[in-house]
């Protein structure tokens, strides 16, 4: 599966929880993702298109920018 990377304007652990909650709710409890507060990045291991993942992350209320896949 491709890993999609996003910049998310997170400033605290509350922001991290918001991202975590949205991704688990939308992708399921077995979702594979990494949240890095220091770098303000989220990496999601999913077959879903970038646009769909972006839409999910925007629901956190944070500014989100796609960084491409790796």
PDB file of N, CA and C in Angstrom:
ATOM      1  N   UNK A   1       0.840  -1.186   0.000  1.00  0.00           N
ATOM      2  CA  UNK A   1       0.000   0.000   0.000  1.00  0.00           C
ATOM      3  C   UNK A   1       0.883   1.247   0.000  1.00  0.00           C
ATOM      4  N   UNK A   2       0.472   2.248  -0.725  1.00  0.00           N
ATOM      5  CA  UNK A   2       1.251   3.490  -0.706  1.00  0.00           C
ATOM      6  C   UNK A   2       1.039   4.232   0.616  1.00  0.00           C
ATOM      7  N   UNK A   3       2.058   4.967   1.026  1.00  0.00           N
ATOM      8  CA  UNK A   3       1.955   5.794   2.227  1.00  0.00           C
ATOM      9  C   UNK A   3       1.784   7.225   1.764  1.00  0.00           C
ATOM     10  N   UNK A   4       0.642   7.806   2.118  1.00  0.00           N
ATOM     11  CA  UNK A   4       0.337   9.187   1.765  1.00  0.00           C
ATOM     12  C   UNK A   4       0.773  10.085   2.917  1.00  0.00           C
ATOM     13  N   UNK A   5       1.470  11.190   2.591  1.00  0.00           N
ATOM     14  CA  UNK A   5       1.970  12.119   3.608  1.00  0.00           C
ATOM     15  C   UNK A   5       1.206  13.439   3.543  1.00  0.00           C
ATOM     16  N   UNK A   6       0.938  13.999   4.721  1.00  0.00           N
ATOM     17  CA  UNK A   6       0.215  15.261   4.820  1.00  0.00           C
ATOM     18  C   UNK A   6       0.854  16.149   5.883  1.00  0.00           C
ATOM     19  N   UNK A   7       0.844  17.453   5.640  1.00  0.00           N
ATOM     20  CA  UNK A   7       1.205  18.428   6.671  1.00  0.00           C
ATOM     21  C   UNK A   7      -0.111  18.834   7.326  1.00  0.00           C
ATOM     22  N   UNK A   8      -0.171  18.724   8.652  1.00  0.00           N
ATOM     23  CA  UNK A   8      -1.378  19.094   9.392  1.00  0.00           C
ATOM     24  C   UNK A   8      -0.953  20.103  10.460  1.00  0.00           C
ATOM     25  N   UNK A   9      -1.621  21.239  10.513  1.00  0.00           N
ATOM     26  CA  UNK A   9      -1.258  22.313  11.442  1.00  0.00           C
ATOM     27  C   UNK A   9      -1.637  21.932  12.876  1.00  0.00           C
ATOM     28  N   UNK A  10      -0.856  21.019  13.452  1.00  0.00           N
ATOM     29  CA  UNK A  10      -1.088  20.552  14.820  1.00  0.00           C
ATOM     30  C   UNK A  10      -0.169  21.317  15.765  1.00  0.00           C
ATOM     31  N   UNK A  11      -0.715  21.704  16.924  1.00  0.00           N
ATOM     32  CA  UNK A  11       0.084  22.462  17.881  1.00  0.00           C
ATOM     33  C   UNK A  11       0.185  21.793  19.247  1.00  0.00           C
ATOM     34  N   UNK A  12      -0.623  20.743  19.488  1.00  0.00           N
ATOM     35  CA  UNK A  12      -0.631  20.134  20.818  1.00  0.00           C
ATOM     36  C   UNK A  12      -1.130  18.686  20.747  1.00  0.00           C
ATOM     37  N   UNK A  13      -1.113  18.024  21.881  1.00  0.00           N
ATOM     38  CA  UNK A  13      -1.592  16.640  21.943  1.00  0.00           C
ATOM     39  C   UNK A  13      -3.086  16.546  21.631  1.00  0.00           C
ATOM     40  N   UNK A  14      -3.833  17.610  21.913  1.00  0.00           N
ATOM     41  CA  UNK A  14      -5.259  17.625  21.569  1.00  0.00           C
ATOM     42  C   UNK A  14      -5.451  17.530  20.059  1.00  0.00           C
ATOM     43  N   UNK A  15      -4.589  18.193  19.320  1.00  0.00           N
ATOM     44  CA  UNK A  15      -4.638  18.123  17.855  1.00  0.00           C
ATOM     45  C   UNK A  15      -4.327  16.699  17.391  1.00  0.00           C
ATOM     46  N   UNK A  16      -3.334  16.083  18.018  1.00  0.00           N
ATOM     47  CA  UNK A  16      -2.959  14.712  17.677  1.00  0.00           C
ATOM     48  C   UNK A  16      -4.142  13.779  17.933  1.00  0.00           C
ATOM     49  N   UNK A  17      -4.819  13.953  19.061  1.00  0.00           N
ATOM     50  CA  UNK A  17      -5.993  13.117  19.375  1.00  0.00           C
ATOM     51  C   UNK A  17      -7.090  13.308  18.344  1.00  0.00           C
ATOM     52  N   UNK A  18      -7.302  14.555  17.911  1.00  0.00           N
ATOM     53  CA  UNK A  18      -8.337  14.828  16.903  1.00  0.00           C
ATOM     54  C   UNK A  18      -8.035  14.089  15.606  1.00  0.00           C
ATOM     55  N   UNK A  19      -6.781  14.142  15.163  1.00  0.00           N
ATOM     56  CA  UNK A  19      -6.379  13.440  13.934  1.00  0.00           C
ATOM     57  C   UNK A  19      -6.525  11.935  14.130  1.00  0.00           C
ATOM     58  N   UNK A  20      -6.051  11.432  15.253  1.00  0.00           N
ATOM     59  CA  UNK A  20      -6.149  10.010  15.570  1.00  0.00           C
ATOM     60  C   UNK A  20      -7.609   9.548  15.549  1.00  0.00           C
ATOM     61  N   UNK A  21      -8.479  10.303  16.187  1.00  0.00           N
ATOM     62  CA  UNK A  21      -9.894   9.926  16.268  1.00  0.00           C
ATOM     63  C   UNK A  21     -10.564   9.903  14.897  1.00  0.00           C
ATOM     64  N   UNK A  22     -10.293  10.913  14.079  1.00  0.00           N
ATOM     65  CA  UNK A  22     -10.896  10.968  12.740  1.00  0.00           C
ATOM     66  C   UNK A  22     -10.425   9.794  11.891  1.00  0.00           C
ATOM     67  N   UNK A  23      -9.131   9.526  11.899  1.00  0.00           N
ATOM     68  CA  UNK A  23      -8.616   8.439  11.061  1.00  0.00           C
ATOM     69  C   UNK A  23      -9.130   7.076  11.526  1.00  0.00           C
ATOM     70  N   UNK A  24      -9.166   6.846  12.828  1.00  0.00           N
ATOM     71  CA  UNK A  24      -9.681   5.559  13.320  1.00  0.00           C
ATOM     72  C   UNK A  24     -11.162   5.405  13.031  1.00  0.00           C
ATOM     73  N   UNK A  25     -11.908   6.498  13.147  1.00  0.00           N
ATOM     74  CA  UNK A  25     -13.346   6.443  12.871  1.00  0.00           C
ATOM     75  C   UNK A  25     -13.612   6.134  11.394  1.00  0.00           C
ATOM     76  N   UNK A  26     -12.860   6.773  10.513  1.00  0.00           N
ATOM     77  CA  UNK A  26     -13.089   6.617   9.071  1.00  0.00           C
ATOM     78  C   UNK A  26     -12.423   5.376   8.479  1.00  0.00           C
ATOM     79  N   UNK A  27     -11.238   5.009   8.993  1.00  0.00           N
ATOM     80  CA  UNK A  27     -10.494   3.887   8.421  1.00  0.00           C
ATOM     81  C   UNK A  27     -10.640   2.598   9.215  1.00  0.00           C
ATOM     82  N   UNK A  28     -11.124   2.694  10.448  1.00  0.00           N
ATOM     83  CA  UNK A  28     -11.281   1.508  11.278  1.00  0.00           C
ATOM     84  C   UNK A  28     -10.152   1.394  12.297  1.00  0.00           C
ATOM     85  N   UNK A  29     -10.375   0.567  13.290  1.00  0.00           N
ATOM     86  CA  UNK A  29      -9.411   0.397  14.379  1.00  0.00           C
ATOM     87  C   UNK A  29      -8.075  -0.173  13.907  1.00  0.00           C
ATOM     88  N   UNK A  30      -8.072  -0.884  12.791  1.00  0.00           N
ATOM     89  CA  UNK A  30      -6.835  -1.483  12.273  1.00  0.00           C
ATOM     90  C   UNK A  30      -6.069  -0.541  11.341  1.00  0.00           C
ATOM     91  N   UNK A  31      -6.493   0.717  11.290  1.00  0.00           N
ATOM     92  CA  UNK A  31      -5.850   1.689  10.406  1.00  0.00           C
ATOM     93  C   UNK A  31      -4.374   1.832  10.748  1.00  0.00           C
ATOM     94  N   UNK A  32      -3.567   2.001   9.711  1.00  0.00           N
ATOM     95  CA  UNK A  32      -2.122   2.167   9.897  1.00  0.00           C
ATOM     96  C   UNK A  32      -1.749   3.592   9.518  1.00  0.00           C
ATOM     97  N   UNK A  33      -1.330   4.351  10.524  1.00  0.00           N
ATOM     98  CA  UNK A  33      -0.910   5.719  10.281  1.00  0.00           C
ATOM     99  C   UNK A  33       0.060   6.152  11.374  1.00  0.00           C
ATOM    100  N   UNK A  34       0.842   7.182  11.051  1.00  0.00           N
ATOM    101  CA  UNK A  34       1.817   7.739  11.982  1.00  0.00           C
ATOM    102  C   UNK A  34       1.592   9.238  12.064  1.00  0.00           C
ATOM    103  N   UNK A  35       1.538   9.742  13.293  1.00  0.00           N
ATOM    104  CA  UNK A  35       1.360  11.171  13.521  1.00  0.00           C
ATOM    105  C   UNK A  35       2.626  11.698  14.198  1.00  0.00           C
ATOM    106  N   UNK A  36       3.219  12.743  13.613  1.00  0.00           N
ATOM    107  CA  UNK A  36       4.425  13.337  14.173  1.00  0.00           C
ATOM    108  C   UNK A  36       4.129  14.799  14.498  1.00  0.00           C
ATOM    109  N   UNK A  37       3.912  15.078  15.780  1.00  0.00           N
ATOM    110  CA  UNK A  37       3.573  16.433  16.206  1.00  0.00           C
ATOM    111  C   UNK A  37       4.714  17.413  15.946  1.00  0.00           C
ATOM    112  N   UNK A  38       5.958  17.003  16.209  1.00  0.00           N
ATOM    113  CA  UNK A  38       7.110  17.890  16.026  1.00  0.00           C
ATOM    114  C   UNK A  38       7.244  18.353  14.572  1.00  0.00           C
ATOM    115  N   UNK A  39       7.051  17.431  13.642  1.00  0.00           N
ATOM    116  CA  UNK A  39       7.165  17.770  12.217  1.00  0.00           C
ATOM    117  C   UNK A  39       5.831  18.195  11.608  1.00  0.00           C
ATOM    118  N   UNK A  40       4.749  18.040  12.395  1.00  0.00           N
ATOM    119  CA  UNK A  40       3.391  18.371  11.948  1.00  0.00           C
ATOM    120  C   UNK A  40       3.008  17.573  10.698  1.00  0.00           C
ATOM    121  N   UNK A  41       3.362  16.274  10.728  1.00  0.00           N
ATOM    122  CA  UNK A  41       3.045  15.418   9.588  1.00  0.00           C
ATOM    123  C   UNK A  41       2.204  14.227  10.017  1.00  0.00           C
ATOM    124  N   UNK A  42       1.441  13.743   9.055  1.00  0.00           N
ATOM    125  CA  UNK A  42       0.657  12.526   9.223  1.00  0.00           C
ATOM    126  C   UNK A  42       0.949  11.655   8.002  1.00  0.00           C
ATOM    127  N   UNK A  43       1.300  10.398   8.261  1.00  0.00           N
ATOM    128  CA  UNK A  43       1.517   9.430   7.184  1.00  0.00           C
ATOM    129  C   UNK A  43       0.464   8.342   7.325  1.00  0.00           C
ATOM    130  N   UNK A  44      -0.257   8.093   6.235  1.00  0.00           N
ATOM    131  CA  UNK A  44      -1.335   7.114   6.248  1.00  0.00           C
ATOM    132  C   UNK A  44      -1.027   6.017   5.244  1.00  0.00           C
ATOM    133  N   UNK A  45      -1.028   4.779   5.725  1.00  0.00           N
ATOM    134  CA  UNK A  45      -0.784   3.607   4.889  1.00  0.00           C
ATOM    135  C   UNK A  45      -2.149   3.090   4.443  1.00  0.00           C
ATOM    136  N   UNK A  46      -2.557   3.461   3.227  1.00  0.00           N
ATOM    137  CA  UNK A  46      -3.902   3.132   2.762  1.00  0.00           C
ATOM    138  C   UNK A  46      -3.962   3.115   1.234  1.00  0.00           C
ATOM    139  N   UNK A  47      -4.893   2.332   0.724  1.00  0.00           N
ATOM    140  CA  UNK A  47      -5.144   2.298  -0.715  1.00  0.00           C
ATOM    141  C   UNK A  47      -6.100   3.401  -1.162  1.00  0.00           C
ATOM    142  N   UNK A  48      -6.651   4.146  -0.207  1.00  0.00           N
ATOM    143  CA  UNK A  48      -7.581   5.218  -0.560  1.00  0.00           C
ATOM    144  C   UNK A  48      -6.842   6.327  -1.296  1.00  0.00           C
ATOM    145  N   UNK A  49      -7.530   7.016  -2.202  1.00  0.00           N
ATOM    146  CA  UNK A  49      -6.885   8.118  -2.923  1.00  0.00           C
ATOM    147  C   UNK A  49      -6.542   9.271  -1.979  1.00  0.00           C
ATOM    148  N   UNK A  50      -5.515  10.009  -2.346  1.00  0.00           N
ATOM    149  CA  UNK A  50      -5.077  11.160  -1.551  1.00  0.00           C
ATOM    150  C   UNK A  50      -6.226  12.113  -1.261  1.00  0.00           C
ATOM    151  N   UNK A  51      -7.070  12.355  -2.251  1.00  0.00           N
ATOM    152  CA  UNK A  51      -8.174  13.306  -2.082  1.00  0.00           C
ATOM    153  C   UNK A  51      -9.137  12.866  -0.980  1.00  0.00           C
ATOM    154  N   UNK A  52      -9.376  11.579  -0.866  1.00  0.00           N
ATOM    155  CA  UNK A  52     -10.285  11.060   0.156  1.00  0.00           C
ATOM    156  C   UNK A  52      -9.654  11.179   1.549  1.00  0.00           C
ATOM    157  N   UNK A  53      -8.363  10.893   1.651  1.00  0.00           N
ATOM    158  CA  UNK A  53      -7.663  11.038   2.929  1.00  0.00           C
ATOM    159  C   UNK A  53      -7.597  12.503   3.333  1.00  0.00           C
ATOM    160  N   UNK A  54      -7.359  13.377   2.375  1.00  0.00           N
ATOM    161  CA  UNK A  54      -7.321  14.811   2.637  1.00  0.00           C
ATOM    162  C   UNK A  54      -8.661  15.277   3.196  1.00  0.00           C
ATOM    163  N   UNK A  55      -9.732  14.818   2.589  1.00  0.00           N
ATOM    164  CA  UNK A  55     -11.076  15.167   3.051  1.00  0.00           C
ATOM    165  C   UNK A  55     -11.289  14.734   4.501  1.00  0.00           C
ATOM    166  N   UNK A  56     -10.803  13.551   4.862  1.00  0.00           N
ATOM    167  CA  UNK A  56     -10.921  13.056   6.238  1.00  0.00           C
ATOM    168  C   UNK A  56     -10.166  13.962   7.207  1.00  0.00           C
ATOM    169  N   UNK A  57      -8.925  14.298   6.844  1.00  0.00           N
ATOM    170  CA  UNK A  57      -8.093  15.099   7.741  1.00  0.00           C
ATOM    171  C   UNK A  57      -8.620  16.517   7.908  1.00  0.00           C
ATOM    172  N   UNK A  58      -9.243  17.067   6.890  1.00  0.00           N
ATOM    173  CA  UNK A  58      -9.813  18.413   6.976  1.00  0.00           C
ATOM    174  C   UNK A  58     -10.912  18.452   8.039  1.00  0.00           C
ATOM    175  N   UNK A  59     -11.555  17.320   8.287  1.00  0.00           N
ATOM    176  CA  UNK A  59     -12.621  17.253   9.295  1.00  0.00           C
ATOM    177  C   UNK A  59     -12.103  17.521  10.707  1.00  0.00           C
ATOM    178  N   UNK A  60     -10.790  17.518  10.900  1.00  0.00           N
ATOM    179  CA  UNK A  60     -10.222  17.831  12.209  1.00  0.00           C
ATOM    180  C   UNK A  60     -10.300  19.335  12.491  1.00  0.00           C
ATOM    181  N   UNK A  61     -10.558  20.130  11.459  1.00  0.00           N
ATOM    182  CA  UNK A  61     -10.595  21.577  11.617  1.00  0.00           C
ATOM    183  C   UNK A  61      -9.223  22.221  11.491  1.00  0.00           C
ATOM    184  N   UNK A  62      -8.224  21.418  11.190  1.00  0.00           N
ATOM    185  CA  UNK A  62      -6.855  21.921  11.036  1.00  0.00           C
ATOM    186  C   UNK A  62      -6.553  22.170   9.563  1.00  0.00           C
ATOM    187  N   UNK A  63      -5.590  23.059   9.307  1.00  0.00           N
ATOM    188  CA  UNK A  63      -5.132  23.273   7.933  1.00  0.00           C
ATOM    189  C   UNK A  63      -4.333  22.045   7.506  1.00  0.00           C
ATOM    190  N   UNK A  64      -4.652  21.505   6.335  1.00  0.00           N
ATOM    191  CA  UNK A  64      -4.017  20.285   5.847  1.00  0.00           C
ATOM    192  C   UNK A  64      -3.516  20.510   4.420  1.00  0.00           C
ATOM    193  N   UNK A  65      -2.269  20.043   4.177  1.00  0.00           N
ATOM    194  CA  UNK A  65      -1.696  20.118   2.829  1.00  0.00           C
ATOM    195  C   UNK A  65      -1.102  18.746   2.487  1.00  0.00           C
ATOM    196  N   UNK A  66      -1.425  18.226   1.311  1.00  0.00           N
ATOM    197  CA  UNK A  66      -0.813  16.954   0.897  1.00  0.00           C
ATOM    198  C   UNK A  66       0.674  17.144   0.605  1.00  0.00           C
ATOM    199  N   UNK A  67       1.487  16.160   0.972  1.00  0.00           N
ATOM    200  CA  UNK A  67       2.923  16.178   0.716  1.00  0.00           C
ATOM    201  C   UNK A  67       3.335  15.083  -0.259  1.00  0.00           C
ATOM    202  N   UNK A  68       2.367  14.357  -0.796  1.00  0.00           N
ATOM    203  CA  UNK A  68       2.673  13.288  -1.743  1.00  0.00           C
ATOM    204  C   UNK A  68       2.814  11.941  -1.065  1.00  0.00           C
ATOM    205  N   UNK A  69       3.226  10.957  -1.829  1.00  0.00           N
ATOM    206  CA  UNK A  69       3.350   9.611  -1.297  1.00  0.00           C
ATOM    207  C   UNK A  69       4.807   9.183  -1.275  1.00  0.00           C
ATOM    208  N   UNK A  70       5.067   8.135  -0.501  1.00  0.00           N
ATOM    209  CA  UNK A  70       6.435   7.602  -0.456  1.00  0.00           C
ATOM    210  C   UNK A  70       6.391   6.105  -0.482  1.00  0.00           C
TER     211      UNK A  70
END
